[in-house]
PDB file of N, CA and C in Angstrom:
ATOM      1  N   MET A   1       2.566 -18.910  33.094  1.00  0.00           N
ATOM      2  CA  MET A   1       3.232 -17.855  32.454  1.00  0.00           C
ATOM      3  C   MET A   1       3.503 -18.357  31.066  1.00  0.00           C
ATOM      4  N   VAL A   2       3.338 -17.327  30.061  1.00  0.00           N
ATOM      5  CA  VAL A   2       3.535 -17.666  28.649  1.00  0.00           C
ATOM      6  C   VAL A   2       4.792 -16.837  28.335  1.00  0.00           C
ATOM      7  N   LYS A   3       5.639 -17.467  27.599  1.00  0.00           N
ATOM      8  CA  LYS A   3       6.834 -16.794  27.190  1.00  0.00           C
ATOM      9  C   LYS A   3       6.847 -16.809  25.647  1.00  0.00           C
ATOM     10  N   PHE A   4       7.071 -15.725  24.977  1.00  0.00           N
ATOM     11  CA  PHE A   4       7.188 -15.531  23.410  1.00  0.00           C
ATOM     12  C   PHE A   4       8.559 -15.349  23.132  1.00  0.00           C
ATOM     13  N   THR A   5       8.958 -16.042  22.085  1.00  0.00           N
ATOM     14  CA  THR A   5      10.320 -15.680  21.560  1.00  0.00           C
ATOM     15  C   THR A   5      10.219 -15.226  19.998  1.00  0.00           C
ATOM     16  N   ALA A   6      10.941 -14.317  19.718  1.00  0.00           N
ATOM     17  CA  ALA A   6      10.995 -13.716  18.354  1.00  0.00           C
ATOM     18  C   ALA A   6      11.586 -14.764  17.427  1.00  0.00           C
ATOM     19  N   LEU A   7      11.035 -14.678  16.175  1.00  0.00           N
ATOM     20  CA  LEU A   7      11.570 -15.632  15.088  1.00  0.00           C
ATOM     21  C   LEU A   7      12.930 -15.067  14.767  1.00  0.00           C
ATOM     22  N   ASN A   8      13.805 -15.932  14.568  1.00  0.00           N
ATOM     23  CA  ASN A   8      15.261 -15.737  14.078  1.00  0.00           C
ATOM     24  C   ASN A   8      15.240 -15.731  12.659  1.00  0.00           C
ATOM     25  N   LEU A   9      14.894 -14.576  11.926  1.00  0.00           N
ATOM     26  CA  LEU A   9      14.954 -14.553  10.461  1.00  0.00           C
ATOM     27  C   LEU A   9      16.231 -13.945   9.992  1.00  0.00           C
ATOM     28  N   SER A  10      16.785 -14.543   8.919  1.00  0.00           N
ATOM     29  CA  SER A  10      17.899 -13.854   8.344  1.00  0.00           C
ATOM     30  C   SER A  10      17.542 -12.524   7.724  1.00  0.00           C
ATOM     31  N   LYS A  11      18.546 -11.668   7.462  1.00  0.00           N
ATOM     32  CA  LYS A  11      18.179 -10.454   6.746  1.00  0.00           C
ATOM     33  C   LYS A  11      17.562 -10.675   5.475  1.00  0.00           C
ATOM     34  N   TYR A  12      17.897 -11.637   4.643  1.00  0.00           N
ATOM     35  CA  TYR A  12      17.242 -12.024   3.369  1.00  0.00           C
ATOM     36  C   TYR A  12      15.764 -12.398   3.602  1.00  0.00           C
ATOM     37  N   GLN A  13      15.509 -13.265   4.555  1.00  0.00           N
ATOM     38  CA  GLN A  13      14.081 -13.714   4.789  1.00  0.00           C
ATOM     39  C   GLN A  13      13.328 -12.507   5.307  1.00  0.00           C
ATOM     40  N   ASN A  14      13.842 -11.791   6.172  1.00  0.00           N
ATOM     41  CA  ASN A  14      13.177 -10.489   6.574  1.00  0.00           C
ATOM     42  C   ASN A  14      12.787  -9.575   5.370  1.00  0.00           C
ATOM     43  N   ASP A  15      13.682  -9.321   4.472  1.00  0.00           N
ATOM     44  CA  ASP A  15      13.531  -8.460   3.377  1.00  0.00           C
ATOM     45  C   ASP A  15      12.446  -9.020   2.398  1.00  0.00           C
ATOM     46  N   VAL A  16      12.511 -10.482   2.180  1.00  0.00           N
ATOM     47  CA  VAL A  16      11.448 -11.109   1.371  1.00  0.00           C
ATOM     48  C   VAL A  16      10.105 -10.902   2.011  1.00  0.00           C
ATOM     49  N   LEU A  17       9.997 -11.072   3.243  1.00  0.00           N
ATOM     50  CA  LEU A  17       8.746 -11.016   3.933  1.00  0.00           C
ATOM     51  C   LEU A  17       8.223  -9.644   3.920  1.00  0.00           C
ATOM     52  N   LYS A  18       8.986  -8.593   3.982  1.00  0.00           N
ATOM     53  CA  LYS A  18       8.631  -7.161   3.879  1.00  0.00           C
ATOM     54  C   LYS A  18       8.063  -6.958   2.434  1.00  0.00           C
ATOM     55  N   ASP A  19       8.833  -7.399   1.471  1.00  0.00           N
ATOM     56  CA  ASP A  19       8.369  -7.278   0.061  1.00  0.00           C
ATOM     57  C   ASP A  19       7.096  -7.775  -0.323  1.00  0.00           C
ATOM     58  N   VAL A  20       6.912  -9.043   0.111  1.00  0.00           N
ATOM     59  CA  VAL A  20       5.625  -9.773  -0.006  1.00  0.00           C
ATOM     60  C   VAL A  20       4.486  -9.115   0.592  1.00  0.00           C
ATOM     61  N   LEU A  21       4.639  -8.627   1.910  1.00  0.00           N
ATOM     62  CA  LEU A  21       3.550  -7.961   2.640  1.00  0.00           C
ATOM     63  C   LEU A  21       3.232  -6.634   1.980  1.00  0.00           C
ATOM     64  N   GLY A  22       4.323  -5.891   1.530  1.00  0.00           N
ATOM     65  CA  GLY A  22       4.186  -4.613   0.933  1.00  0.00           C
ATOM     66  C   GLY A  22       3.498  -4.752  -0.402  1.00  0.00           C
ATOM     67  N   GLU A  23       3.794  -5.749  -1.235  1.00  0.00           N
ATOM     68  CA  GLU A  23       3.213  -5.894  -2.501  1.00  0.00           C
ATOM     69  C   GLU A  23       1.616  -6.248  -2.268  1.00  0.00           C
ATOM     70  N   ALA A  24       1.323  -7.025  -1.267  1.00  0.00           N
ATOM     71  CA  ALA A  24      -0.096  -7.292  -0.977  1.00  0.00           C
ATOM     72  C   ALA A  24      -0.804  -6.058  -0.607  1.00  0.00           C
ATOM     73  N   LEU A  25      -0.256  -5.283   0.201  1.00  0.00           N
ATOM     74  CA  LEU A  25      -0.873  -4.013   0.690  1.00  0.00           C
ATOM     75  C   LEU A  25      -0.998  -2.965  -0.573  1.00  0.00           C
ATOM     76  N   GLU A  26      -0.092  -2.903  -1.464  1.00  0.00           N
ATOM     77  CA  GLU A  26      -0.112  -2.155  -2.623  1.00  0.00           C
ATOM     78  C   GLU A  26      -1.258  -2.546  -3.545  1.00  0.00           C
ATOM     79  N   LYS A  27      -1.441  -3.879  -3.719  1.00  0.00           N
ATOM     80  CA  LYS A  27      -2.480  -4.388  -4.500  1.00  0.00           C
ATOM     81  C   LYS A  27      -3.836  -4.062  -3.936  1.00  0.00           C
ATOM     82  N   ARG A  28      -3.922  -4.217  -2.655  1.00  0.00           N
ATOM     83  CA  ARG A  28      -5.192  -3.861  -1.909  1.00  0.00           C
ATOM     84  C   ARG A  28      -5.549  -2.335  -2.034  1.00  0.00           C
ATOM     85  N   ILE A  29      -4.451  -1.571  -2.011  1.00  0.00           N
ATOM     86  CA  ILE A  29      -4.673  -0.082  -2.185  1.00  0.00           C
ATOM     87  C   ILE A  29      -5.148   0.188  -3.562  1.00  0.00           C
ATOM     88  N   ILE A  30      -4.529  -0.350  -4.572  1.00  0.00           N
ATOM     89  CA  ILE A  30      -4.840  -0.105  -5.944  1.00  0.00           C
ATOM     90  C   ILE A  30      -6.281  -0.516  -6.137  1.00  0.00           C
ATOM     91  N   SER A  31      -6.685  -1.766  -5.631  1.00  0.00           N
ATOM     92  CA  SER A  31      -8.049  -2.222  -5.787  1.00  0.00           C
ATOM     93  C   SER A  31      -9.071  -1.193  -5.118  1.00  0.00           C
ATOM     94  N   LYS A  32      -8.780  -0.647  -4.071  1.00  0.00           N
ATOM     95  CA  LYS A  32      -9.653   0.237  -3.288  1.00  0.00           C
ATOM     96  C   LYS A  32      -9.699   1.519  -4.080  1.00  0.00           C
ATOM     97  N   LEU A  33      -8.612   2.034  -4.740  1.00  0.00           N
ATOM     98  CA  LEU A  33      -8.546   3.278  -5.452  1.00  0.00           C
ATOM     99  C   LEU A  33      -9.418   3.081  -6.723  1.00  0.00           C
ATOM    100  N   SER A  34      -9.370   1.922  -7.257  1.00  0.00           N
ATOM    101  CA  SER A  34     -10.099   1.675  -8.534  1.00  0.00           C
ATOM    102  C   SER A  34     -11.597   1.740  -8.290  1.00  0.00           C
ATOM    103  N   GLU A  35     -12.001   1.410  -7.035  1.00  0.00           N
ATOM    104  CA  GLU A  35     -13.445   1.541  -6.677  1.00  0.00           C
ATOM    105  C   GLU A  35     -13.856   2.959  -6.353  1.00  0.00           C
ATOM    106  N   ASN A  36     -12.948   3.654  -5.732  1.00  0.00           N
ATOM    107  CA  ASN A  36     -13.259   5.083  -5.281  1.00  0.00           C
ATOM    108  C   ASN A  36     -11.936   5.920  -5.403  1.00  0.00           C
ATOM    109  N   SER A  37     -11.762   6.637  -6.473  1.00  0.00           N
ATOM    110  CA  SER A  37     -10.435   7.424  -6.658  1.00  0.00           C
ATOM    111  C   SER A  37     -10.314   8.598  -5.823  1.00  0.00           C
ATOM    112  N   LYS A  38     -11.400   9.009  -5.143  1.00  0.00           N
ATOM    113  CA  LYS A  38     -11.251  10.111  -4.167  1.00  0.00           C
ATOM    114  C   LYS A  38     -11.107   9.778  -2.757  1.00  0.00           C
ATOM    115  N   VAL A  39     -10.975   8.471  -2.514  1.00  0.00           N
ATOM    116  CA  VAL A  39     -10.753   8.083  -1.042  1.00  0.00           C
ATOM    117  C   VAL A  39      -9.570   8.649  -0.396  1.00  0.00           C
ATOM    118  N   LYS A  40      -9.725   9.010   0.828  1.00  0.00           N
ATOM    119  CA  LYS A  40      -8.670   9.581   1.733  1.00  0.00           C
ATOM    120  C   LYS A  40      -7.704   8.539   2.197  1.00  0.00           C
ATOM    121  N   GLN A  41      -6.562   8.839   2.447  1.00  0.00           N
ATOM    122  CA  GLN A  41      -5.591   7.902   3.088  1.00  0.00           C
ATOM    123  C   GLN A  41      -5.925   7.337   4.394  1.00  0.00           C
ATOM    124  N   SER A  42      -6.606   8.298   5.121  1.00  0.00           N
ATOM    125  CA  SER A  42      -6.996   7.849   6.530  1.00  0.00           C
ATOM    126  C   SER A  42      -8.151   6.807   6.463  1.00  0.00           C
ATOM    127  N   GLU A  43      -9.073   7.012   5.423  1.00  0.00           N
ATOM    128  CA  GLU A  43     -10.176   5.935   5.169  1.00  0.00           C
ATOM    129  C   GLU A  43      -9.603   4.681   4.614  1.00  0.00           C
ATOM    130  N   LEU A  44      -8.498   4.847   3.763  1.00  0.00           N
ATOM    131  CA  LEU A  44      -7.912   3.476   3.325  1.00  0.00           C
ATOM    132  C   LEU A  44      -7.352   2.796   4.522  1.00  0.00           C
ATOM    133  N   ALA A  45      -6.639   3.454   5.388  1.00  0.00           N
ATOM    134  CA  ALA A  45      -6.046   2.876   6.534  1.00  0.00           C
ATOM    135  C   ALA A  45      -7.067   2.102   7.396  1.00  0.00           C
ATOM    136  N   LYS A  46      -8.161   2.769   7.656  1.00  0.00           N
ATOM    137  CA  LYS A  46      -9.226   2.225   8.422  1.00  0.00           C
ATOM    138  C   LYS A  46      -9.850   1.000   7.717  1.00  0.00           C
ATOM    139  N   TYR A  47     -10.117   1.142   6.479  1.00  0.00           N
ATOM    140  CA  TYR A  47     -10.783   0.037   5.642  1.00  0.00           C
ATOM    141  C   TYR A  47      -9.834  -1.159   5.590  1.00  0.00           C
ATOM    142  N   LEU A  48      -8.516  -0.945   5.364  1.00  0.00           N
ATOM    143  CA  LEU A  48      -7.604  -2.057   5.065  1.00  0.00           C
ATOM    144  C   LEU A  48      -6.994  -2.475   6.460  1.00  0.00           C
ATOM    145  N   GLY A  49      -7.246  -1.825   7.533  1.00  0.00           N
ATOM    146  CA  GLY A  49      -6.859  -2.268   8.797  1.00  0.00           C
ATOM    147  C   GLY A  49      -5.377  -2.152   9.137  1.00  0.00           C
ATOM    148  N   VAL A  50      -4.739  -1.234   8.483  1.00  0.00           N
ATOM    149  CA  VAL A  50      -3.402  -0.870   8.730  1.00  0.00           C
ATOM    150  C   VAL A  50      -3.207   0.546   9.191  1.00  0.00           C
ATOM    151  N   SER A  51      -1.970   0.918   9.650  1.00  0.00           N
ATOM    152  CA  SER A  51      -1.768   2.270  10.086  1.00  0.00           C
ATOM    153  C   SER A  51      -1.708   3.298   8.911  1.00  0.00           C
ATOM    154  N   LEU A  52      -1.919   4.504   9.279  1.00  0.00           N
ATOM    155  CA  LEU A  52      -1.789   5.564   8.290  1.00  0.00           C
ATOM    156  C   LEU A  52      -0.422   5.795   7.680  1.00  0.00           C
ATOM    157  N   PRO A  53       0.637   5.612   8.561  1.00  0.00           N
ATOM    158  CA  PRO A  53       2.071   5.755   8.027  1.00  0.00           C
ATOM    159  C   PRO A  53       2.277   4.456   6.967  1.00  0.00           C
ATOM    160  N   SER A  54       1.734   3.352   7.308  1.00  0.00           N
ATOM    161  CA  SER A  54       1.920   2.229   6.317  1.00  0.00           C
ATOM    162  C   SER A  54       1.267   2.573   4.899  1.00  0.00           C
ATOM    163  N   ILE A  55       0.163   3.123   4.944  1.00  0.00           N
ATOM    164  CA  ILE A  55      -0.637   3.513   3.761  1.00  0.00           C
ATOM    165  C   ILE A  55       0.199   4.562   3.000  1.00  0.00           C
ATOM    166  N   GLN A  56       0.734   5.467   3.726  1.00  0.00           N
ATOM    167  CA  GLN A  56       1.452   6.654   3.101  1.00  0.00           C
ATOM    168  C   GLN A  56       2.701   6.085   2.512  1.00  0.00           C
ATOM    169  N   ARG A  57       3.441   5.205   3.140  1.00  0.00           N
ATOM    170  CA  ARG A  57       4.756   4.625   2.581  1.00  0.00           C
ATOM    171  C   ARG A  57       4.356   3.850   1.306  1.00  0.00           C
ATOM    172  N   ALA A  58       3.310   2.980   1.315  1.00  0.00           N
ATOM    173  CA  ALA A  58       2.963   2.199   0.168  1.00  0.00           C
ATOM    174  C   ALA A  58       2.515   2.966  -0.974  1.00  0.00           C
ATOM    175  N   MET A  59       1.822   4.137  -0.661  1.00  0.00           N
ATOM    176  CA  MET A  59       1.262   5.116  -1.752  1.00  0.00           C
ATOM    177  C   MET A  59       2.487   5.822  -2.277  1.00  0.00           C
ATOM    178  N   LYS A  60       3.448   6.205  -1.550  1.00  0.00           N
ATOM    179  CA  LYS A  60       4.569   6.899  -2.022  1.00  0.00           C
ATOM    180  C   LYS A  60       5.297   6.004  -2.959  1.00  0.00           C
ATOM    181  N   LYS A  61       5.483   4.796  -2.624  1.00  0.00           N
ATOM    182  CA  LYS A  61       6.114   3.722  -3.401  1.00  0.00           C
ATOM    183  C   LYS A  61       5.379   3.529  -4.815  1.00  0.00           C
ATOM    184  N   LEU A  62       4.120   3.592  -4.705  1.00  0.00           N
ATOM    185  CA  LEU A  62       3.380   3.451  -5.933  1.00  0.00           C
ATOM    186  C   LEU A  62       3.466   4.675  -6.814  1.00  0.00           C
ATOM    187  N   VAL A  63       3.564   5.875  -6.204  1.00  0.00           N
ATOM    188  CA  VAL A  63       3.721   7.146  -7.005  1.00  0.00           C
ATOM    189  C   VAL A  63       5.097   7.069  -7.596  1.00  0.00           C
ATOM    190  N   ASP A  64       6.121   6.653  -6.748  1.00  0.00           N
ATOM    191  CA  ASP A  64       7.514   6.664  -7.393  1.00  0.00           C
ATOM    192  C   ASP A  64       7.638   5.594  -8.509  1.00  0.00           C
ATOM    193  N   GLN A  65       6.878   4.503  -8.481  1.00  0.00           N
ATOM    194  CA  GLN A  65       6.904   3.509  -9.550  1.00  0.00           C
ATOM    195  C   GLN A  65       6.023   4.020 -10.704  1.00  0.00           C
ATOM    196  N   GLY A  66       5.242   4.986 -10.618  1.00  0.00           N
ATOM    197  CA  GLY A  66       4.443   5.521 -11.579  1.00  0.00           C
ATOM    198  C   GLY A  66       3.110   4.725 -11.786  1.00  0.00           C
ATOM    199  N   LYS A  67       2.755   4.051 -10.808  1.00  0.00           N
ATOM    200  CA  LYS A  67       1.487   3.176 -10.797  1.00  0.00           C
ATOM    201  C   LYS A  67       0.248   4.053 -10.419  1.00  0.00           C
ATOM    202  N   ILE A  68       0.364   5.085  -9.612  1.00  0.00           N
ATOM    203  CA  ILE A  68      -0.662   6.061  -9.345  1.00  0.00           C
ATOM    204  C   ILE A  68      -0.120   7.418  -9.406  1.00  0.00           C
ATOM    205  N   GLU A  69      -1.020   8.335  -9.510  1.00  0.00           N
ATOM    206  CA  GLU A  69      -0.673   9.762  -9.723  1.00  0.00           C
ATOM    207  C   GLU A  69      -1.767  10.553  -9.089  1.00  0.00           C
ATOM    208  N   ARG A  70      -1.411  11.572  -8.350  1.00  0.00           N
ATOM    209  CA  ARG A  70      -2.471  12.462  -7.683  1.00  0.00           C
ATOM    210  C   ARG A  70      -2.866  13.619  -8.707  1.00  0.00           C
ATOM    211  N   LYS A  71      -4.076  13.733  -8.980  1.00  0.00           N
ATOM    212  CA  LYS A  71      -4.599  14.806  -9.901  1.00  0.00           C
ATOM    213  C   LYS A  71      -5.375  15.710  -8.975  1.00  0.00           C
ATOM    214  N   GLY A  72      -5.096  17.002  -9.212  1.00  0.00           N
ATOM    215  CA  GLY A  72      -5.904  18.083  -8.410  1.00  0.00           C
ATOM    216  C   GLY A  72      -5.221  18.211  -7.060  1.00  0.00           C
ATOM    217  N   GLY A  73      -5.936  18.953  -6.269  1.00  0.00           N
ATOM    218  CA  GLY A  73      -5.414  19.309  -4.945  1.00  0.00           C
ATOM    219  C   GLY A  73      -5.793  18.424  -3.874  1.00  0.00           C
ATOM    220  N   LYS A  74      -5.471  18.722  -2.650  1.00  0.00           N
ATOM    221  CA  LYS A  74      -5.615  17.855  -1.494  1.00  0.00           C
ATOM    222  C   LYS A  74      -7.166  17.625  -1.279  1.00  0.00           C
ATOM    223  N   ARG A  75      -7.960  18.707  -1.444  1.00  0.00           N
ATOM    224  CA  ARG A  75      -9.276  18.840  -1.022  1.00  0.00           C
ATOM    225  C   ARG A  75     -10.278  18.098  -2.017  1.00  0.00           C
ATOM    226  N   PHE A  76     -10.013  18.502  -3.291  1.00  0.00           N
ATOM    227  CA  PHE A  76     -10.886  18.017  -4.383  1.00  0.00           C
ATOM    228  C   PHE A  76     -10.278  17.182  -5.374  1.00  0.00           C
ATOM    229  N   GLY A  77      -9.067  16.645  -5.072  1.00  0.00           N
ATOM    230  CA  GLY A  77      -8.293  15.800  -6.126  1.00  0.00           C
ATOM    231  C   GLY A  77      -8.779  14.392  -6.047  1.00  0.00           C
ATOM    232  N   TYR A  78      -7.948  13.642  -6.847  1.00  0.00           N
ATOM    233  CA  TYR A  78      -8.381  12.210  -6.930  1.00  0.00           C
ATOM    234  C   TYR A  78      -7.032  11.409  -7.445  1.00  0.00           C
ATOM    235  N   TRP A  79      -7.071  10.160  -7.365  1.00  0.00           N
ATOM    236  CA  TRP A  79      -6.000   9.282  -7.643  1.00  0.00           C
ATOM    237  C   TRP A  79      -6.161   8.627  -9.056  1.00  0.00           C
ATOM    238  N   ASP A  80      -5.239   8.916  -9.993  1.00  0.00           N
ATOM    239  CA  ASP A  80      -5.237   8.378 -11.324  1.00  0.00           C
ATOM    240  C   ASP A  80      -4.414   7.088 -11.291  1.00  0.00           C
ATOM    241  N   ILE A  81      -4.921   5.961 -11.740  1.00  0.00           N
ATOM    242  CA  ILE A  81      -4.246   4.686 -11.726  1.00  0.00           C
ATOM    243  C   ILE A  81      -3.666   4.401 -13.113  1.00  0.00           C
ATOM    244  N   HIS A  82      -2.330   4.057 -13.186  1.00  0.00           N
ATOM    245  CA  HIS A  82      -1.634   3.673 -14.384  1.00  0.00           C
ATOM    246  C   HIS A  82      -0.996   2.324 -14.237  1.00  0.00           C
ATOM    247  N   LEU A  83      -1.773   1.388 -14.727  1.00  0.00           N
ATOM    248  CA  LEU A  83      -1.265  -0.010 -14.584  1.00  0.00           C
ATOM    249  C   LEU A  83      -1.041  -0.657 -15.955  1.00  0.00           C
ATOM    250  N   ASN A  84      -0.042  -1.563 -15.965  1.00  0.00           N
ATOM    251  CA  ASN A  84       0.253  -2.447 -17.073  1.00  0.00           C
ATOM    252  C   ASN A  84      -0.456  -3.791 -16.824  1.00  0.00           C
ATOM    253  N   SER A  85      -0.499  -4.616 -17.822  1.00  0.00           N
ATOM    254  CA  SER A  85      -1.202  -5.927 -17.712  1.00  0.00           C
ATOM    255  C   SER A  85      -0.399  -6.772 -16.674  1.00  0.00           C
ATOM    256  N   SER A  86       0.887  -6.562 -16.541  1.00  0.00           N
ATOM    257  CA  SER A  86       1.737  -7.345 -15.552  1.00  0.00           C
ATOM    258  C   SER A  86       1.350  -6.919 -14.103  1.00  0.00           C
ATOM    259  N   ASP A  87       0.907  -5.678 -13.929  1.00  0.00           N
ATOM    260  CA  ASP A  87       0.702  -5.284 -12.650  1.00  0.00           C
ATOM    261  C   ASP A  87      -0.634  -5.792 -11.998  1.00  0.00           C
ATOM    262  N   LEU A  88      -1.429  -6.335 -12.851  1.00  0.00           N
ATOM    263  CA  LEU A  88      -2.736  -6.922 -12.363  1.00  0.00           C
ATOM    264  C   LEU A  88      -2.629  -8.311 -11.760  1.00  0.00           C
ATOM    265  N   ASP A  89      -1.515  -8.957 -11.880  1.00  0.00           N
ATOM    266  CA  ASP A  89      -1.307 -10.336 -11.380  1.00  0.00           C
ATOM    267  C   ASP A  89      -1.316 -10.377  -9.856  1.00  0.00           C
TER     268      ASP A  89
END
């Protein structure tokens, strides 16, 4: 029998871990959007190997930060990327 125990992370460590993972996902999303600005969120989720809600949360955060912007409608629109040099690191 195998028994698994959860890691006992402090709230600070847990928040840092979420931030690091979220930033990595956001960078991967921006990279994919720069390749294909018309990619659908469902395609991003499949390509990046994460759930659709994770993609939606990350993209909403990017929109709120002004890093990406949706141009046009749902069907024929595209994602416009607004990055500073500091965002590329």
